[in-house]
Amino acid sequence: MRLIALLAADTLDAEQVRGVLRYDSFALGFGLIFLALGAAAAAVFLFRRRSQDPAVLWFGIFSALYGFRLAMHTRTARFTVDAGRAAWPFIIAAITYSIAIPAILFLREVIPGWRRVLTRLLWV
């Protein structure tokens, strides 16, 4: 919506917008795929009452965070989500530093032999 408003205000011409979209299409596409995969995994965990395997939840959270971070690195996402120019580095840094927690928790569930090592790594 904001991108359309920028086009209507004549601040960007159509060729510049196409260039930005072409440049960002790969990262934005994969970011949205990972985000959808994470949301689907979290939904499977929430709606499947019989088998409460936490590995699915940790994978979903990790995948969603990774997809969100990948998508937010694009200029297209920065055009559409108005979080302020100075806030973007902090948002991306917060996700980058916290993304390891669900990844380690997922690995703890998948590789039981490394549970003790991964628990220590999680505490670090």
PDB file of N, CA and C in Angstrom:
ATOM      1  N   MET A   1       0.818  -1.179   0.000  1.00  0.00           N
ATOM      2  CA  MET A   1       0.000   0.000   0.000  1.00  0.00           C
ATOM      3  C   MET A   1       0.869   1.253   0.000  1.00  0.00           C
ATOM      4  N   ARG A   2       1.899   1.236   0.833  1.00  0.00           N
ATOM      5  CA  ARG A   2       2.789   2.392   0.907  1.00  0.00           C
ATOM      6  C   ARG A   2       3.548   2.559  -0.402  1.00  0.00           C
ATOM      7  N   LEU A   3       3.878   1.431  -1.064  1.00  0.00           N
ATOM      8  CA  LEU A   3       4.576   1.486  -2.336  1.00  0.00           C
ATOM      9  C   LEU A   3       3.708   2.168  -3.382  1.00  0.00           C
ATOM     10  N   ILE A   4       2.417   1.887  -3.378  1.00  0.00           N
ATOM     11  CA  ILE A   4       1.499   2.521  -4.316  1.00  0.00           C
ATOM     12  C   ILE A   4       1.404   4.016  -4.031  1.00  0.00           C
ATOM     13  N   ALA A   5       1.400   4.367  -2.744  1.00  0.00           N
ATOM     14  CA  ALA A   5       1.352   5.787  -2.378  1.00  0.00           C
ATOM     15  C   ALA A   5       2.614   6.507  -2.841  1.00  0.00           C
ATOM     16  N   LEU A   6       3.752   5.838  -2.755  1.00  0.00           N
ATOM     17  CA  LEU A   6       4.987   6.452  -3.234  1.00  0.00           C
ATOM     18  C   LEU A   6       4.952   6.655  -4.741  1.00  0.00           C
ATOM     19  N   LEU A   7       4.366   5.682  -5.448  1.00  0.00           N
ATOM     20  CA  LEU A   7       4.246   5.824  -6.893  1.00  0.00           C
ATOM     21  C   LEU A   7       3.295   6.968  -7.254  1.00  0.00           C
ATOM     22  N   ALA A   8       2.217   7.077  -6.508  1.00  0.00           N
ATOM     23  CA  ALA A   8       1.247   8.140  -6.779  1.00  0.00           C
ATOM     24  C   ALA A   8       1.837   9.514  -6.495  1.00  0.00           C
ATOM     25  N   ALA A   9       2.761   9.594  -5.560  1.00  0.00           N
ATOM     26  CA  ALA A   9       3.371  10.879  -5.209  1.00  0.00           C
ATOM     27  C   ALA A   9       4.502  11.256  -6.152  1.00  0.00           C
ATOM     28  N   ASP A  10       4.751  10.447  -7.171  1.00  0.00           N
ATOM     29  CA  ASP A  10       5.797  10.705  -8.167  1.00  0.00           C
ATOM     30  C   ASP A  10       7.194  10.793  -7.574  1.00  0.00           C
ATOM     31  N   THR A  11       7.445  10.125  -6.438  1.00  0.00           N
ATOM     32  CA  THR A  11       8.787  10.130  -5.877  1.00  0.00           C
ATOM     33  C   THR A  11       9.635   9.029  -6.498  1.00  0.00           C
ATOM     34  N   LEU A  12       9.006   7.980  -6.974  1.00  0.00           N
ATOM     35  CA  LEU A  12       9.702   6.907  -7.674  1.00  0.00           C
ATOM     36  C   LEU A  12       8.998   6.668  -8.998  1.00  0.00           C
ATOM     37  N   ASP A  13       9.776   6.431 -10.037  1.00  0.00           N
ATOM     38  CA  ASP A  13       9.116   6.081 -11.283  1.00  0.00           C
ATOM     39  C   ASP A  13       8.967   4.562 -11.387  1.00  0.00           C
ATOM     40  N   ALA A  14       8.232   4.116 -12.352  1.00  0.00           N
ATOM     41  CA  ALA A  14       7.888   2.695 -12.475  1.00  0.00           C
ATOM     42  C   ALA A  14       9.129   1.832 -12.699  1.00  0.00           C
ATOM     43  N   GLU A  15      10.089   2.335 -13.415  1.00  0.00           N
ATOM     44  CA  GLU A  15      11.299   1.547 -13.685  1.00  0.00           C
ATOM     45  C   GLU A  15      12.110   1.319 -12.408  1.00  0.00           C
ATOM     46  N   GLN A  16      12.163   2.305 -11.525  1.00  0.00           N
ATOM     47  CA  GLN A  16      12.862   2.138 -10.252  1.00  0.00           C
ATOM     48  C   GLN A  16      12.162   1.095  -9.381  1.00  0.00           C
ATOM     49  N   VAL A  17      10.854   1.135  -9.361  1.00  0.00           N
ATOM     50  CA  VAL A  17      10.098   0.159  -8.568  1.00  0.00           C
ATOM     51  C   VAL A  17      10.308  -1.246  -9.117  1.00  0.00           C
ATOM     52  N   ARG A  18      10.256  -1.399 -10.448  1.00  0.00           N
ATOM     53  CA  ARG A  18      10.505  -2.716 -11.044  1.00  0.00           C
ATOM     54  C   ARG A  18      11.917  -3.214 -10.732  1.00  0.00           C
ATOM     55  N   GLY A  19      12.882  -2.307 -10.732  1.00  0.00           N
ATOM     56  CA  GLY A  19      14.250  -2.694 -10.403  1.00  0.00           C
ATOM     57  C   GLY A  19      14.377  -3.183  -8.969  1.00  0.00           C
ATOM     58  N   VAL A  20      13.726  -2.492  -8.042  1.00  0.00           N
ATOM     59  CA  VAL A  20      13.768  -2.897  -6.635  1.00  0.00           C
ATOM     60  C   VAL A  20      13.083  -4.246  -6.458  1.00  0.00           C
ATOM     61  N   LEU A  21      11.929  -4.415  -7.076  1.00  0.00           N
ATOM     62  CA  LEU A  21      11.201  -5.689  -6.964  1.00  0.00           C
ATOM     63  C   LEU A  21      11.984  -6.841  -7.599  1.00  0.00           C
ATOM     64  N   ARG A  22      12.621  -6.576  -8.722  1.00  0.00           N
ATOM     65  CA  ARG A  22      13.425  -7.610  -9.380  1.00  0.00           C
ATOM     66  C   ARG A  22      14.621  -8.005  -8.508  1.00  0.00           C
ATOM     67  N   TYR A  23      15.263  -7.035  -7.902  1.00  0.00           N
ATOM     68  CA  TYR A  23      16.426  -7.287  -7.050  1.00  0.00           C
ATOM     69  C   TYR A  23      16.040  -8.054  -5.786  1.00  0.00           C
ATOM     70  N   ASP A  24      14.883  -7.746  -5.225  1.00  0.00           N
ATOM     71  CA  ASP A  24      14.455  -8.331  -3.955  1.00  0.00           C
ATOM     72  C   ASP A  24      13.630  -9.605  -4.100  1.00  0.00           C
ATOM     73  N   SER A  25      13.270  -9.988  -5.304  1.00  0.00           N
ATOM     74  CA  SER A  25      12.316 -11.086  -5.466  1.00  0.00           C
ATOM     75  C   SER A  25      12.821 -12.409  -4.885  1.00  0.00           C
ATOM     76  N   PHE A  26      14.082 -12.725  -5.035  1.00  0.00           N
ATOM     77  CA  PHE A  26      14.618 -13.992  -4.528  1.00  0.00           C
ATOM     78  C   PHE A  26      14.558 -14.049  -3.001  1.00  0.00           C
ATOM     79  N   ALA A  27      15.122 -13.055  -2.336  1.00  0.00           N
ATOM     80  CA  ALA A  27      15.149 -13.044  -0.866  1.00  0.00           C
ATOM     81  C   ALA A  27      13.745 -12.906  -0.286  1.00  0.00           C
ATOM     82  N   LEU A  28      12.930 -12.070  -0.885  1.00  0.00           N
ATOM     83  CA  LEU A  28      11.568 -11.889  -0.384  1.00  0.00           C
ATOM     84  C   LEU A  28      10.744 -13.157  -0.578  1.00  0.00           C
ATOM     85  N   GLY A  29      10.909 -13.815  -1.711  1.00  0.00           N
ATOM     86  CA  GLY A  29      10.186 -15.062  -1.963  1.00  0.00           C
ATOM     87  C   GLY A  29      10.560 -16.153  -0.981  1.00  0.00           C
ATOM     88  N   PHE A  30      11.850 -16.370  -0.795  1.00  0.00           N
ATOM     89  CA  PHE A  30      12.275 -17.392   0.162  1.00  0.00           C
ATOM     90  C   PHE A  30      11.927 -17.015   1.596  1.00  0.00           C
ATOM     91  N   GLY A  31      11.983 -15.741   1.914  1.00  0.00           N
ATOM     92  CA  GLY A  31      11.591 -15.306   3.247  1.00  0.00           C
ATOM     93  C   GLY A  31      10.130 -15.615   3.524  1.00  0.00           C
ATOM     94  N   LEU A  32       9.269 -15.352   2.557  1.00  0.00           N
ATOM     95  CA  LEU A  32       7.852 -15.633   2.736  1.00  0.00           C
ATOM     96  C   LEU A  32       7.576 -17.137   2.777  1.00  0.00           C
ATOM     97  N   ILE A  33       8.352 -17.921   2.021  1.00  0.00           N
ATOM     98  CA  ILE A  33       8.197 -19.381   2.072  1.00  0.00           C
ATOM     99  C   ILE A  33       8.570 -19.912   3.453  1.00  0.00           C
ATOM    100  N   PHE A  34       9.695 -19.460   3.992  1.00  0.00           N
ATOM    101  CA  PHE A  34      10.104 -19.901   5.330  1.00  0.00           C
ATOM    102  C   PHE A  34       9.126 -19.425   6.404  1.00  0.00           C
ATOM    103  N   LEU A  35       8.606 -18.222   6.244  1.00  0.00           N
ATOM    104  CA  LEU A  35       7.625 -17.695   7.186  1.00  0.00           C
ATOM    105  C   LEU A  35       6.344 -18.531   7.162  1.00  0.00           C
ATOM    106  N   ALA A  36       5.879 -18.896   5.976  1.00  0.00           N
ATOM    107  CA  ALA A  36       4.686 -19.739   5.864  1.00  0.00           C
ATOM    108  C   ALA A  36       4.942 -21.142   6.398  1.00  0.00           C
ATOM    109  N   LEU A  37       6.133 -21.679   6.137  1.00  0.00           N
ATOM    110  CA  LEU A  37       6.488 -22.995   6.651  1.00  0.00           C
ATOM    111  C   LEU A  37       6.517 -22.994   8.175  1.00  0.00           C
ATOM    112  N   GLY A  38       7.051 -21.952   8.757  1.00  0.00           N
ATOM    113  CA  GLY A  38       7.073 -21.840  10.214  1.00  0.00           C
ATOM    114  C   GLY A  38       5.687 -21.714  10.807  1.00  0.00           C
ATOM    115  N   ALA A  39       4.838 -20.921  10.159  1.00  0.00           N
ATOM    116  CA  ALA A  39       3.457 -20.783  10.644  1.00  0.00           C
ATOM    117  C   ALA A  39       2.708 -22.108  10.523  1.00  0.00           C
ATOM    118  N   ALA A  40       2.945 -22.850   9.445  1.00  0.00           N
ATOM    119  CA  ALA A  40       2.283 -24.144   9.277  1.00  0.00           C
ATOM    120  C   ALA A  40       2.761 -25.148  10.322  1.00  0.00           C
ATOM    121  N   ALA A  41       4.053 -25.156  10.613  1.00  0.00           N
ATOM    122  CA  ALA A  41       4.579 -26.080  11.626  1.00  0.00           C
ATOM    123  C   ALA A  41       4.033 -25.736  13.008  1.00  0.00           C
ATOM    124  N   ALA A  42       3.934 -24.459  13.325  1.00  0.00           N
ATOM    125  CA  ALA A  42       3.367 -24.065  14.615  1.00  0.00           C
ATOM    126  C   ALA A  42       1.886 -24.436  14.695  1.00  0.00           C
ATOM    127  N   ALA A  43       1.171 -24.289  13.585  1.00  0.00           N
ATOM    128  CA  ALA A  43      -0.243 -24.666  13.559  1.00  0.00           C
ATOM    129  C   ALA A  43      -0.409 -26.173  13.736  1.00  0.00           C
ATOM    130  N   VAL A  44       0.466 -26.954  13.114  1.00  0.00           N
ATOM    131  CA  VAL A  44       0.414 -28.414  13.287  1.00  0.00           C
ATOM    132  C   VAL A  44       0.645 -28.768  14.749  1.00  0.00           C
ATOM    133  N   PHE A  45       1.580 -28.111  15.389  1.00  0.00           N
ATOM    134  CA  PHE A  45       1.839 -28.384  16.801  1.00  0.00           C
ATOM    135  C   PHE A  45       0.627 -28.031  17.662  1.00  0.00           C
ATOM    136  N   LEU A  46       0.001 -26.911  17.386  1.00  0.00           N
ATOM    137  CA  LEU A  46      -1.119 -26.463  18.219  1.00  0.00           C
ATOM    138  C   LEU A  46      -2.383 -27.302  18.022  1.00  0.00           C
ATOM    139  N   PHE A  47      -2.639 -27.749  16.797  1.00  0.00           N
ATOM    140  CA  PHE A  47      -3.881 -28.458  16.524  1.00  0.00           C
ATOM    141  C   PHE A  47      -3.775 -29.972  16.635  1.00  0.00           C
ATOM    142  N   ARG A  48      -2.592 -30.485  16.852  1.00  0.00           N
ATOM    143  CA  ARG A  48      -2.406 -31.929  16.993  1.00  0.00           C
ATOM    144  C   ARG A  48      -2.255 -32.242  18.466  1.00  0.00           C
ATOM    145  N   ARG A  49      -3.315 -32.641  19.077  1.00  0.00           N
ATOM    146  CA  ARG A  49      -3.339 -32.845  20.532  1.00  0.00           C
ATOM    147  C   ARG A  49      -2.678 -34.155  20.959  1.00  0.00           C
ATOM    148  N   ARG A  50      -2.776 -35.188  20.146  1.00  0.00           N
ATOM    149  CA  ARG A  50      -2.271 -36.499  20.564  1.00  0.00           C
ATOM    150  C   ARG A  50      -0.761 -36.512  20.738  1.00  0.00           C
ATOM    151  N   SER A  51      -0.047 -36.053  19.768  1.00  0.00           N
ATOM    152  CA  SER A  51       1.414 -36.095  19.813  1.00  0.00           C
ATOM    153  C   SER A  51       1.956 -34.677  19.983  1.00  0.00           C
ATOM    154  N   GLN A  52       2.319 -34.335  21.175  1.00  0.00           N
ATOM    155  CA  GLN A  52       2.859 -33.000  21.444  1.00  0.00           C
ATOM    156  C   GLN A  52       4.383 -33.024  21.342  1.00  0.00           C
ATOM    157  N   ASP A  53       4.892 -33.190  20.138  1.00  0.00           N
ATOM    158  CA  ASP A  53       6.327 -33.212  19.903  1.00  0.00           C
ATOM    159  C   ASP A  53       6.838 -31.770  19.835  1.00  0.00           C
ATOM    160  N   PRO A  54       7.656 -31.344  20.798  1.00  0.00           N
ATOM    161  CA  PRO A  54       8.108 -29.954  20.791  1.00  0.00           C
ATOM    162  C   PRO A  54       9.064 -29.627  19.642  1.00  0.00           C
ATOM    163  N   ALA A  55       9.615 -30.633  18.984  1.00  0.00           N
ATOM    164  CA  ALA A  55      10.524 -30.368  17.862  1.00  0.00           C
ATOM    165  C   ALA A  55       9.799 -29.627  16.744  1.00  0.00           C
ATOM    166  N   VAL A  56       8.532 -29.943  16.540  1.00  0.00           N
ATOM    167  CA  VAL A  56       7.761 -29.266  15.500  1.00  0.00           C
ATOM    168  C   VAL A  56       7.576 -27.792  15.849  1.00  0.00           C
ATOM    169  N   LEU A  57       7.305 -27.519  17.100  1.00  0.00           N
ATOM    170  CA  LEU A  57       7.145 -26.126  17.532  1.00  0.00           C
ATOM    171  C   LEU A  57       8.449 -25.349  17.396  1.00  0.00           C
ATOM    172  N   TRP A  58       9.563 -25.931  17.843  1.00  0.00           N
ATOM    173  CA  TRP A  58      10.844 -25.228  17.758  1.00  0.00           C
ATOM    174  C   TRP A  58      11.246 -25.003  16.306  1.00  0.00           C
ATOM    175  N   PHE A  59      10.980 -25.988  15.449  1.00  0.00           N
ATOM    176  CA  PHE A  59      11.263 -25.815  14.028  1.00  0.00           C
ATOM    177  C   PHE A  59      10.404 -24.699  13.446  1.00  0.00           C
ATOM    178  N   GLY A  60       9.138 -24.645  13.831  1.00  0.00           N
ATOM    179  CA  GLY A  60       8.248 -23.602  13.337  1.00  0.00           C
ATOM    180  C   GLY A  60       8.689 -22.211  13.751  1.00  0.00           C
ATOM    181  N   ILE A  61       9.078 -22.066  14.999  1.00  0.00           N
ATOM    182  CA  ILE A  61       9.535 -20.755  15.479  1.00  0.00           C
ATOM    183  C   ILE A  61      10.831 -20.347  14.775  1.00  0.00           C
ATOM    184  N   PHE A  62      11.766 -21.299  14.662  1.00  0.00           N
ATOM    185  CA  PHE A  62      13.024 -21.004  13.976  1.00  0.00           C
ATOM    186  C   PHE A  62      12.779 -20.610  12.519  1.00  0.00           C
ATOM    187  N   SER A  63      11.953 -21.383  11.829  1.00  0.00           N
ATOM    188  CA  SER A  63      11.687 -21.115  10.423  1.00  0.00           C
ATOM    189  C   SER A  63      10.988 -19.779  10.222  1.00  0.00           C
ATOM    190  N   ALA A  64      10.034 -19.466  11.085  1.00  0.00           N
ATOM    191  CA  ALA A  64       9.324 -18.190  10.970  1.00  0.00           C
ATOM    192  C   ALA A  64      10.255 -17.011  11.236  1.00  0.00           C
ATOM    193  N   LEU A  65      11.098 -17.116  12.245  1.00  0.00           N
ATOM    194  CA  LEU A  65      12.049 -16.038  12.526  1.00  0.00           C
ATOM    195  C   LEU A  65      13.042 -15.852  11.383  1.00  0.00           C
ATOM    196  N   TYR A  66      13.525 -16.969  10.843  1.00  0.00           N
ATOM    197  CA  TYR A  66      14.474 -16.895   9.733  1.00  0.00           C
ATOM    198  C   TYR A  66      13.825 -16.274   8.506  1.00  0.00           C
ATOM    199  N   GLY A  67      12.609 -16.691   8.203  1.00  0.00           N
ATOM    200  CA  GLY A  67      11.906 -16.129   7.057  1.00  0.00           C
ATOM    201  C   GLY A  67      11.609 -14.659   7.227  1.00  0.00           C
ATOM    202  N   PHE A  68      11.203 -14.267   8.427  1.00  0.00           N
ATOM    203  CA  PHE A  68      10.923 -12.856   8.699  1.00  0.00           C
ATOM    204  C   PHE A  68      12.190 -12.023   8.548  1.00  0.00           C
ATOM    205  N   ARG A  69      13.291 -12.527   9.085  1.00  0.00           N
ATOM    206  CA  ARG A  69      14.559 -11.784   8.988  1.00  0.00           C
ATOM    207  C   ARG A  69      15.020 -11.678   7.533  1.00  0.00           C
ATOM    208  N   LEU A  70      14.879 -12.767   6.787  1.00  0.00           N
ATOM    209  CA  LEU A  70      15.280 -12.755   5.383  1.00  0.00           C
ATOM    210  C   LEU A  70      14.434 -11.772   4.580  1.00  0.00           C
ATOM    211  N   ALA A  71      13.147 -11.739   4.850  1.00  0.00           N
ATOM    212  CA  ALA A  71      12.267 -10.815   4.132  1.00  0.00           C
ATOM    213  C   ALA A  71      12.532  -9.368   4.527  1.00  0.00           C
ATOM    214  N   MET A  72      12.854  -9.126   5.786  1.00  0.00           N
ATOM    215  CA  MET A  72      13.069  -7.756   6.239  1.00  0.00           C
ATOM    216  C   MET A  72      14.390  -7.160   5.770  1.00  0.00           C
ATOM    217  N   HIS A  73      15.260  -7.968   5.228  1.00  0.00           N
ATOM    218  CA  HIS A  73      16.505  -7.451   4.651  1.00  0.00           C
ATOM    219  C   HIS A  73      16.274  -6.801   3.291  1.00  0.00           C
ATOM    220  N   THR A  74      15.092  -6.957   2.724  1.00  0.00           N
ATOM    221  CA  THR A  74      14.822  -6.428   1.393  1.00  0.00           C
ATOM    222  C   THR A  74      14.300  -5.004   1.464  1.00  0.00           C
ATOM    223  N   ARG A  75      14.555  -4.268   0.401  1.00  0.00           N
ATOM    224  CA  ARG A  75      14.058  -2.894   0.334  1.00  0.00           C
ATOM    225  C   ARG A  75      12.542  -2.862   0.134  1.00  0.00           C
ATOM    226  N   THR A  76      12.010  -3.893  -0.510  1.00  0.00           N
ATOM    227  CA  THR A  76      10.571  -3.955  -0.733  1.00  0.00           C
ATOM    228  C   THR A  76       9.821  -4.022   0.591  1.00  0.00           C
ATOM    229  N   ALA A  77      10.308  -4.842   1.510  1.00  0.00           N
ATOM    230  CA  ALA A  77       9.661  -4.943   2.821  1.00  0.00           C
ATOM    231  C   ALA A  77       9.794  -3.637   3.592  1.00  0.00           C
ATOM    232  N   ARG A  78      10.900  -2.961   3.433  1.00  0.00           N
ATOM    233  CA  ARG A  78      11.083  -1.679   4.128  1.00  0.00           C
ATOM    234  C   ARG A  78      10.180  -0.593   3.558  1.00  0.00           C
ATOM    235  N   PHE A  79       9.836  -0.731   2.247  1.00  0.00           N
ATOM    236  CA  PHE A  79       8.867   0.194   1.661  1.00  0.00           C
ATOM    237  C   PHE A  79       7.478  -0.031   2.243  1.00  0.00           C
ATOM    238  N   THR A  80       7.114  -1.299   2.416  1.00  0.00           N
ATOM    239  CA  THR A  80       5.736  -1.618   2.797  1.00  0.00           C
ATOM    240  C   THR A  80       5.503  -1.564   4.301  1.00  0.00           C
ATOM    241  N   VAL A  81       6.504  -1.896   5.107  1.00  0.00           N
ATOM    242  CA  VAL A  81       6.356  -1.875   6.561  1.00  0.00           C
ATOM    243  C   VAL A  81       7.067  -0.632   7.081  1.00  0.00           C
ATOM    244  N   ASP A  82       6.307   0.279   7.625  1.00  0.00           N
ATOM    245  CA  ASP A  82       6.878   1.551   8.075  1.00  0.00           C
ATOM    246  C   ASP A  82       7.263   1.443   9.552  1.00  0.00           C
ATOM    247  N   ALA A  83       8.490   1.005   9.820  1.00  0.00           N
ATOM    248  CA  ALA A  83       8.970   0.879  11.193  1.00  0.00           C
ATOM    249  C   ALA A  83       9.972   1.968  11.540  1.00  0.00           C
ATOM    250  N   GLY A  84      10.245   2.829  10.612  1.00  0.00           N
ATOM    251  CA  GLY A  84      11.239   3.867  10.864  1.00  0.00           C
ATOM    252  C   GLY A  84      12.610   3.412  10.405  1.00  0.00           C
ATOM    253  N   ARG A  85      13.328   4.303   9.809  1.00  0.00           N
ATOM    254  CA  ARG A  85      14.630   3.961   9.237  1.00  0.00           C
ATOM    255  C   ARG A  85      15.644   3.506  10.284  1.00  0.00           C
ATOM    256  N   ALA A  86      15.617   4.121  11.459  1.00  0.00           N
ATOM    257  CA  ALA A  86      16.586   3.782  12.503  1.00  0.00           C
ATOM    258  C   ALA A  86      16.234   2.489  13.227  1.00  0.00           C
ATOM    259  N   ALA A  87      15.003   2.038  13.128  1.00  0.00           N
ATOM    260  CA  ALA A  87      14.582   0.839  13.863  1.00  0.00           C
ATOM    261  C   ALA A  87      14.987  -0.450  13.167  1.00  0.00           C
ATOM    262  N   TRP A  88      15.161  -0.443  11.853  1.00  0.00           N
ATOM    263  CA  TRP A  88      15.437  -1.672  11.115  1.00  0.00           C
ATOM    264  C   TRP A  88      16.690  -2.406  11.596  1.00  0.00           C
ATOM    265  N   PRO A  89      17.823  -1.747  11.788  1.00  0.00           N
ATOM    266  CA  PRO A  89      18.988  -2.493  12.261  1.00  0.00           C
ATOM    267  C   PRO A  89      18.765  -3.155  13.618  1.00  0.00           C
ATOM    268  N   PHE A  90      18.008  -2.521  14.481  1.00  0.00           N
ATOM    269  CA  PHE A  90      17.734  -3.104  15.804  1.00  0.00           C
ATOM    270  C   PHE A  90      16.787  -4.293  15.711  1.00  0.00           C
ATOM    271  N   ILE A  91      15.789  -4.197  14.854  1.00  0.00           N
ATOM    272  CA  ILE A  91      14.855  -5.310  14.661  1.00  0.00           C
ATOM    273  C   ILE A  91      15.575  -6.520  14.095  1.00  0.00           C
ATOM    274  N   ILE A  92      16.375  -6.299  13.068  1.00  0.00           N
ATOM    275  CA  ILE A  92      17.105  -7.400  12.439  1.00  0.00           C
ATOM    276  C   ILE A  92      18.136  -7.989  13.395  1.00  0.00           C
ATOM    277  N   ALA A  93      18.814  -7.142  14.167  1.00  0.00           N
ATOM    278  CA  ALA A  93      19.796  -7.637  15.138  1.00  0.00           C
ATOM    279  C   ALA A  93      19.124  -8.454  16.232  1.00  0.00           C
ATOM    280  N   ALA A  94      17.977  -8.021  16.708  1.00  0.00           N
ATOM    281  CA  ALA A  94      17.269  -8.772  17.744  1.00  0.00           C
ATOM    282  C   ALA A  94      16.870 -10.155  17.242  1.00  0.00           C
ATOM    283  N   ILE A  95      16.403 -10.230  16.013  1.00  0.00           N
ATOM    284  CA  ILE A  95      16.040 -11.534  15.449  1.00  0.00           C
ATOM    285  C   ILE A  95      17.286 -12.375  15.230  1.00  0.00           C
ATOM    286  N   THR A  96      18.350 -11.778  14.734  1.00  0.00           N
ATOM    287  CA  THR A  96      19.585 -12.521  14.474  1.00  0.00           C
ATOM    288  C   THR A  96      20.145 -13.133  15.752  1.00  0.00           C
ATOM    289  N   TYR A  97      20.129 -12.390  16.844  1.00  0.00           N
ATOM    290  CA  TYR A  97      20.687 -12.899  18.089  1.00  0.00           C
ATOM    291  C   TYR A  97      19.766 -13.890  18.789  1.00  0.00           C
ATOM    292  N   SER A  98      18.476 -13.805  18.562  1.00  0.00           N
ATOM    293  CA  SER A  98      17.554 -14.720  19.243  1.00  0.00           C
ATOM    294  C   SER A  98      17.190 -15.939  18.421  1.00  0.00           C
ATOM    295  N   ILE A  99      17.549 -15.985  17.163  1.00  0.00           N
ATOM    296  CA  ILE A  99      17.171 -17.103  16.302  1.00  0.00           C
ATOM    297  C   ILE A  99      17.887 -18.398  16.685  1.00  0.00           C
ATOM    298  N   ALA A 100      19.021 -18.288  17.364  1.00  0.00           N
ATOM    299  CA  ALA A 100      19.768 -19.489  17.749  1.00  0.00           C
ATOM    300  C   ALA A 100      19.056 -20.281  18.836  1.00  0.00           C
ATOM    301  N   ILE A 101      18.243 -19.642  19.651  1.00  0.00           N
ATOM    302  CA  ILE A 101      17.576 -20.339  20.760  1.00  0.00           C
ATOM    303  C   ILE A 101      16.617 -21.414  20.257  1.00  0.00           C
ATOM    304  N   PRO A 102      15.658 -21.095  19.352  1.00  0.00           N
ATOM    305  CA  PRO A 102      14.801 -22.183  18.872  1.00  0.00           C
ATOM    306  C   PRO A 102      15.558 -23.202  18.019  1.00  0.00           C
ATOM    307  N   ALA A 103      16.640 -22.777  17.360  1.00  0.00           N
ATOM    308  CA  ALA A 103      17.430 -23.732  16.577  1.00  0.00           C
ATOM    309  C   ALA A 103      18.095 -24.767  17.487  1.00  0.00           C
ATOM    310  N   ILE A 104      18.663 -24.318  18.593  1.00  0.00           N
ATOM    311  CA  ILE A 104      19.305 -25.242  19.534  1.00  0.00           C
ATOM    312  C   ILE A 104      18.261 -26.128  20.204  1.00  0.00           C
ATOM    313  N   LEU A 105      17.108 -25.567  20.554  1.00  0.00           N
ATOM    314  CA  LEU A 105      16.057 -26.374  21.168  1.00  0.00           C
ATOM    315  C   LEU A 105      15.524 -27.424  20.191  1.00  0.00           C
ATOM    316  N   PHE A 106      15.448 -27.076  18.909  1.00  0.00           N
ATOM    317  CA  PHE A 106      15.053 -28.054  17.888  1.00  0.00           C
ATOM    318  C   PHE A 106      16.084 -29.177  17.784  1.00  0.00           C
ATOM    319  N   LEU A 107      17.351 -28.818  17.751  1.00  0.00           N
ATOM    320  CA  LEU A 107      18.402 -29.836  17.664  1.00  0.00           C
ATOM    321  C   LEU A 107      18.441 -30.732  18.895  1.00  0.00           C
ATOM    322  N   ARG A 108      18.124 -30.181  20.073  1.00  0.00           N
ATOM    323  CA  ARG A 108      18.059 -30.996  21.298  1.00  0.00           C
ATOM    324  C   ARG A 108      17.005 -32.092  21.174  1.00  0.00           C
ATOM    325  N   GLU A 109      15.891 -31.774  20.534  1.00  0.00           N
ATOM    326  CA  GLU A 109      14.817 -32.755  20.381  1.00  0.00           C
ATOM    327  C   GLU A 109      15.134 -33.773  19.294  1.00  0.00           C
ATOM    328  N   VAL A 110      15.826 -33.359  18.259  1.00  0.00           N
ATOM    329  CA  VAL A 110      16.090 -34.239  17.119  1.00  0.00           C
ATOM    330  C   VAL A 110      17.288 -35.148  17.365  1.00  0.00           C
ATOM    331  N   ILE A 111      18.319 -34.640  18.040  1.00  0.00           N
ATOM    332  CA  ILE A 111      19.542 -35.407  18.290  1.00  0.00           C
ATOM    333  C   ILE A 111      19.665 -35.644  19.792  1.00  0.00           C
ATOM    334  N   PRO A 112      19.054 -36.717  20.311  1.00  0.00           N
ATOM    335  CA  PRO A 112      19.069 -36.915  21.769  1.00  0.00           C
ATOM    336  C   PRO A 112      20.459 -37.206  22.337  1.00  0.00           C
ATOM    337  N   GLY A 113      21.380 -37.725  21.554  1.00  0.00           N
ATOM    338  CA  GLY A 113      22.722 -38.004  22.045  1.00  0.00           C
ATOM    339  C   GLY A 113      23.506 -36.747  22.382  1.00  0.00           C
ATOM    340  N   TRP A 114      23.154 -35.660  21.783  1.00  0.00           N
ATOM    341  CA  TRP A 114      23.853 -34.397  22.003  1.00  0.00           C
ATOM    342  C   TRP A 114      23.092 -33.487  22.956  1.00  0.00           C
ATOM    343  N   ARG A 115      22.125 -34.025  23.644  1.00  0.00           N
ATOM    344  CA  ARG A 115      21.256 -33.228  24.504  1.00  0.00           C
ATOM    345  C   ARG A 115      22.038 -32.440  25.559  1.00  0.00           C
ATOM    346  N   ARG A 116      22.990 -33.077  26.187  1.00  0.00           N
ATOM    347  CA  ARG A 116      23.768 -32.425  27.245  1.00  0.00           C
ATOM    348  C   ARG A 116      24.628 -31.285  26.681  1.00  0.00           C
ATOM    349  N   VAL A 117      25.271 -31.529  25.556  1.00  0.00           N
ATOM    350  CA  VAL A 117      26.119 -30.502  24.934  1.00  0.00           C
ATOM    351  C   VAL A 117      25.272 -29.325  24.460  1.00  0.00           C
ATOM    352  N   LEU A 118      24.134 -29.634  23.841  1.00  0.00           N
ATOM    353  CA  LEU A 118      23.272 -28.570  23.337  1.00  0.00           C
ATOM    354  C   LEU A 118      22.631 -27.775  24.474  1.00  0.00           C
ATOM    355  N   THR A 119      22.368 -28.429  25.604  1.00  0.00           N
ATOM    356  CA  THR A 119      21.837 -27.707  26.756  1.00  0.00           C
ATOM    357  C   THR A 119      22.876 -26.716  27.294  1.00  0.00           C
ATOM    358  N   ARG A 120      24.117 -27.148  27.335  1.00  0.00           N
ATOM    359  CA  ARG A 120      25.181 -26.220  27.765  1.00  0.00           C
ATOM    360  C   ARG A 120      25.351 -25.070  26.796  1.00  0.00           C
ATOM    361  N   LEU A 121      25.264 -25.385  25.515  1.00  0.00           N
ATOM    362  CA  LEU A 121      25.352 -24.332  24.487  1.00  0.00           C
ATOM    363  C   LEU A 121      24.181 -23.365  24.620  1.00  0.00           C
ATOM    364  N   LEU A 122      23.036 -23.877  24.962  1.00  0.00           N
ATOM    365  CA  LEU A 122      21.866 -23.027  25.144  1.00  0.00           C
ATOM    366  C   LEU A 122      22.062 -22.067  26.321  1.00  0.00           C
ATOM    367  N   TRP A 123      22.682 -22.552  27.393  1.00  0.00           N
ATOM    368  CA  TRP A 123      22.922 -21.687  28.545  1.00  0.00           C
ATOM    369  C   TRP A 123      23.929 -20.587  28.219  1.00  0.00           C
ATOM    370  N   VAL A 124      24.888 -20.900  27.358  1.00  0.00           N
ATOM    371  CA  VAL A 124      25.883 -19.886  26.953  1.00  0.00           C
ATOM    372  C   VAL A 124      25.200 -18.819  26.148  1.00  0.00           C
TER     373      VAL A 124
END
